[in-house]
Each structure stands twice: as structure tokens, then as C-alpha cells.
């Protein structure tokens, strides 16, 4: 099958014109990564697997939409593009099944802005455990904004909330993470 670098090299040379065998290699190579992205949004593996498969269908049918001006970072940019498609697909799936379940009370009036500083001894597994302890809406907004790189307008559109609600959810998620972090470090 070749190495990961071989796959990325082949893809970067002729991304727009890939055949079925190369699509299969792409699927096998990136499936685990996209499964991880999907599991950030949906809780069960079956639904996540369906989301990943749907995402690959969108990825393969929209190859012409992916443009890469920085060939040095082709793999990183490709993964980011594919992750965005997967995140949107997962949120659309959630929206189908939980119509209206994304609303939470936003009545508290606080200044929710503060920096989040992590200590060097906090491991990535601990960070994911903390994130997974957030309420579903907070986790989705936090993941979309801080990890996937969506802006608040995009998050609002995806989740069916206002951009200001997205900002509040993000701030509350950060505050909750800060509290969980303090508890973990005690």
C-alpha cells in the first residue's frame, strides 16, 4: 500500500483526478482521524461511523472545492478541510434527531471573558476527559471554535443558535473547564 508520506505525495500532485483505488487508500488512511472528529459530536460509534461514511461521500464529490496553495502543508490543510466537513455532517445528523434540543438558558448576566492557561503537566487525555465532561452544547461550541476553527457565525448557523449564544456557550464552557481543571489538580 505504501507509506503515509507516499499517499500524501501522490495526493498533493494530482488531487483533483484520483481514481477508485486512491479513494480507497484515502478512506483507509483518514478514517480513524475522521472517526475521532465525529466522536467529538456524536456519542455512539455506529452514528459516528455513519457520519464518517457520509463525510467521505461529500469529500469525494467535492474534491474540486479543495484548494491548496501551500503544498508544504498539504496533509495538514487536507485534514482540516476533511475535519470541517465531518464536523458539519455530525452536527447536521444531530440536528435531524434533536430538533430544538440545542437551546439552553442564557439569562445569566456575567462577564464570561477570561484566558485559559494550561499547565505543562496536563496530558492530552486529561484535556479530552475534561472536554467530555462539558454539557453537549458547551462541548460542541468549544470543539467547533477552539479545535475545528469555526467562527461564531458559522457555529450559529450549524447549531441553529445566534452568534451571541455561541459566544456565551464558549465562555461558559471555558469557565466550566477551568473549574474542572482546578478539581483535577487538587
Protein backbone atom coordinates (compact mmCIF):
# COMPACT_ATOMS: atom_id res chain seq x y z
CA UNK A 1 0.00 0.00 0.00
CA UNK A 2 2.91 2.41 0.60
CA UNK A 3 3.71 4.76 3.39
CA UNK A 4 1.69 7.70 4.65
CA UNK A 5 4.16 10.08 3.04
CA UNK A 6 3.74 8.28 -0.30
CA UNK A 7 -0.02 8.77 -0.10
CA UNK A 8 0.29 12.46 0.73
CA UNK A 9 2.82 12.93 -2.08
CA UNK A 10 0.56 11.25 -4.64
CA UNK A 11 -2.43 13.25 -3.44
CA UNK A 12 -0.62 16.57 -3.49
CA UNK A 13 0.48 16.03 -7.11
CA UNK A 14 -2.92 15.16 -8.60
CA UNK A 15 -5.61 15.77 -6.01
CA UNK A 16 -8.34 16.64 -8.49
CA UNK A 17 -8.06 13.42 -10.55
CA UNK A 18 -7.95 10.48 -8.20
CA UNK A 19 -9.25 7.04 -9.08
CA UNK A 20 -11.14 4.46 -7.07
CA UNK A 21 -8.02 2.72 -5.73
CA UNK A 22 -6.64 6.00 -4.43
CA UNK A 23 -10.01 6.86 -2.92
CA UNK A 24 -9.88 3.57 -1.06
CA UNK A 25 -6.41 4.42 0.26
CA UNK A 26 -7.62 7.85 1.35
CA UNK A 27 -10.60 6.26 3.09
CA UNK A 28 -8.44 3.76 4.97
CA UNK A 29 -5.78 6.34 5.81
CA UNK A 30 -8.05 9.09 7.16
CA UNK A 31 -10.96 7.02 8.50
CA UNK A 32 -9.59 6.82 12.06
CA UNK A 33 -8.84 10.53 12.17
CA UNK A 34 -12.32 11.45 10.97
CA UNK A 35 -13.88 8.93 13.35
CA UNK A 36 -12.20 10.83 16.18
CA UNK A 37 -13.66 14.08 14.84
CA UNK A 38 -17.14 12.55 14.58
CA UNK A 39 -16.97 11.15 18.11
CA UNK A 40 -16.45 14.68 19.44
CA UNK A 41 -20.02 15.40 18.39
CA UNK A 42 -21.95 12.13 18.49
CA UNK A 43 -21.77 9.71 21.38
CA UNK A 44 -22.19 6.31 19.80
CA UNK A 45 -19.77 4.61 17.42
CA UNK A 46 -22.44 3.47 14.95
CA UNK A 47 -23.67 7.01 14.37
CA UNK A 48 -20.09 8.27 14.21
CA UNK A 49 -19.28 5.62 11.60
CA UNK A 50 -22.28 6.69 9.56
CA UNK A 51 -21.18 10.33 9.86
CA UNK A 52 -17.67 9.43 8.66
CA UNK A 53 -19.02 7.48 5.69
CA UNK A 54 -21.35 10.35 4.76
CA UNK A 55 -18.42 12.73 5.12
CA UNK A 56 -16.30 10.70 2.74
CA UNK A 57 -19.12 10.80 0.20
CA UNK A 58 -19.13 14.60 0.47
CA UNK A 59 -15.35 14.77 0.38
CA UNK A 60 -15.08 12.65 -2.76
CA UNK A 61 -17.89 14.50 -4.53
CA UNK A 62 -16.39 17.91 -3.68
CA UNK A 63 -12.73 17.32 -4.47
CA UNK A 64 -12.66 20.32 -6.78
CA UNK A 65 -13.56 22.57 -3.83
CA UNK A 66 -10.32 21.76 -2.02
CA UNK A 67 -7.56 24.13 -2.99
CA UNK A 68 -4.09 24.06 -1.54
CA UNK A 69 -1.73 26.93 -2.24
CA UNK A 70 0.78 25.73 0.36
CA UNK A 71 1.95 22.32 -0.83
CA UNK A 72 4.38 22.05 2.11
CA UNK A 73 1.34 21.77 4.39
CA UNK A 74 -0.89 19.77 2.05
CA UNK A 75 -1.67 16.99 4.54
CA UNK A 76 -2.45 19.41 7.37
CA UNK A 77 -4.73 21.51 5.17
CA UNK A 78 -6.43 18.43 3.73
CA UNK A 79 -7.09 17.03 7.21
CA UNK A 80 -8.53 20.37 8.32
CA UNK A 81 -10.81 20.54 5.29
CA UNK A 82 -11.99 16.97 5.83
CA UNK A 83 -12.50 17.59 9.57
CA UNK A 84 -14.71 20.60 8.83
CA UNK A 85 -16.85 18.52 6.50
CA UNK A 86 -17.09 15.79 9.14
CA UNK A 87 -17.99 18.25 11.91
CA UNK A 88 -20.73 19.78 9.77
CA UNK A 89 -22.03 16.36 8.84
CA UNK A 90 -22.12 15.31 12.51
CA UNK A 91 -23.96 18.47 13.53
CA UNK A 92 -26.46 18.04 10.72
CA UNK A 93 -27.08 14.49 11.92
CA UNK A 94 -27.62 15.73 15.48
CA UNK A 95 -29.95 18.43 14.23
CA UNK A 96 -32.09 15.82 12.45
CA UNK A 97 -32.61 13.84 15.65
CA UNK A 98 -32.66 16.54 18.31
CA UNK A 99 -34.65 19.32 16.78
CA UNK A 100 -34.61 22.19 19.24
CA UNK A 101 -32.53 20.39 21.87
CA UNK A 102 -29.60 22.79 21.47
CA UNK A 103 -31.19 25.62 23.41
CA UNK A 104 -30.04 26.33 26.96
CA UNK A 105 -30.79 29.22 29.25
CA UNK A 106 -28.69 32.29 28.59
CA UNK A 107 -30.24 34.51 31.23
CA UNK A 108 -27.20 34.90 33.49
CA UNK A 109 -25.51 38.23 33.00
CA UNK A 110 -21.79 37.83 33.58
CA UNK A 111 -18.57 38.91 32.00
CA UNK A 112 -17.52 35.49 30.72
CA UNK A 113 -14.22 36.57 29.15
CA UNK A 114 -11.04 35.19 30.67
CA UNK A 115 -7.89 33.48 29.48
CA UNK A 116 -7.43 29.74 29.86
CA UNK A 117 -3.88 28.75 30.77
CA UNK A 118 -2.92 25.09 30.94
CA UNK A 119 -0.04 23.69 32.93
CA UNK A 120 2.70 21.70 31.18
CA UNK A 121 1.94 18.57 33.22
CA UNK A 122 -1.62 18.26 31.91
CA UNK A 123 -1.75 15.43 29.38
CA UNK A 124 -3.91 15.39 26.26
CA UNK A 125 -6.00 12.54 27.66
CA UNK A 126 -6.81 14.70 30.69
CA UNK A 127 -7.83 17.56 28.42
CA UNK A 128 -10.20 15.33 26.43
CA UNK A 129 -11.64 13.93 29.66
CA UNK A 130 -12.32 17.49 30.82
CA UNK A 131 -13.90 18.45 27.49
CA UNK A 132 -16.07 15.34 27.54
CA UNK A 133 -17.42 16.40 30.96
CA UNK A 134 -18.97 19.52 29.44
CA UNK A 135 -22.67 19.63 28.61
CA UNK A 136 -23.30 18.63 24.98
CA UNK A 137 -23.92 22.19 23.76
CA UNK A 138 -20.87 23.61 25.52
CA UNK A 139 -18.73 20.76 24.21
CA UNK A 140 -19.95 21.27 20.63
CA UNK A 141 -19.31 25.01 20.64
CA UNK A 142 -15.95 24.64 22.38
CA UNK A 143 -14.84 21.94 19.94
CA UNK A 144 -16.06 23.81 16.87
CA UNK A 145 -14.43 27.07 17.92
CA UNK A 146 -11.23 26.07 19.69
CA UNK A 147 -10.37 22.82 17.91
CA UNK A 148 -12.00 22.91 14.48
CA UNK A 149 -11.50 26.64 13.89
CA UNK A 150 -15.08 27.66 13.11
CA UNK A 151 -16.10 31.26 13.83
CA UNK A 152 -19.18 32.15 15.86
CA UNK A 153 -21.30 32.94 12.81
CA UNK A 154 -20.54 29.50 11.32
CA UNK A 155 -21.25 27.80 14.66
CA UNK A 156 -24.53 29.69 14.96
CA UNK A 157 -25.59 28.52 11.52
CA UNK A 158 -24.58 24.91 12.17
CA UNK A 159 -26.24 24.68 15.56
CA UNK A 160 -29.29 26.82 14.89
CA UNK A 161 -28.42 29.38 17.58
CA UNK A 162 -27.38 33.01 17.47
CA UNK A 163 -23.74 34.05 17.24
CA UNK A 164 -24.05 35.72 20.65
CA UNK A 165 -25.34 32.45 22.12
CA UNK A 166 -22.31 30.72 20.63
CA UNK A 167 -20.02 33.22 22.37
CA UNK A 168 -21.83 32.69 25.68
CA UNK A 169 -21.62 28.90 25.33
CA UNK A 170 -17.92 29.16 24.60
CA UNK A 171 -17.29 31.39 27.59
CA UNK A 172 -19.31 29.12 29.87
CA UNK A 173 -17.50 26.07 28.52
CA UNK A 174 -14.17 27.70 29.32
CA UNK A 175 -15.34 28.58 32.80
CA UNK A 176 -16.56 25.03 33.37
CA UNK A 177 -13.25 23.64 32.05
CA UNK A 178 -11.38 25.94 34.39
CA UNK A 179 -13.42 24.65 37.33
CA UNK A 180 -12.96 21.01 36.25
CA UNK A 181 -9.24 21.61 35.83
CA UNK A 182 -8.95 23.02 39.35
CA UNK A 183 -10.79 19.96 40.69
CA UNK A 184 -8.46 17.64 38.75
CA UNK A 185 -5.35 19.36 40.11
CA UNK A 186 -6.44 19.15 43.77
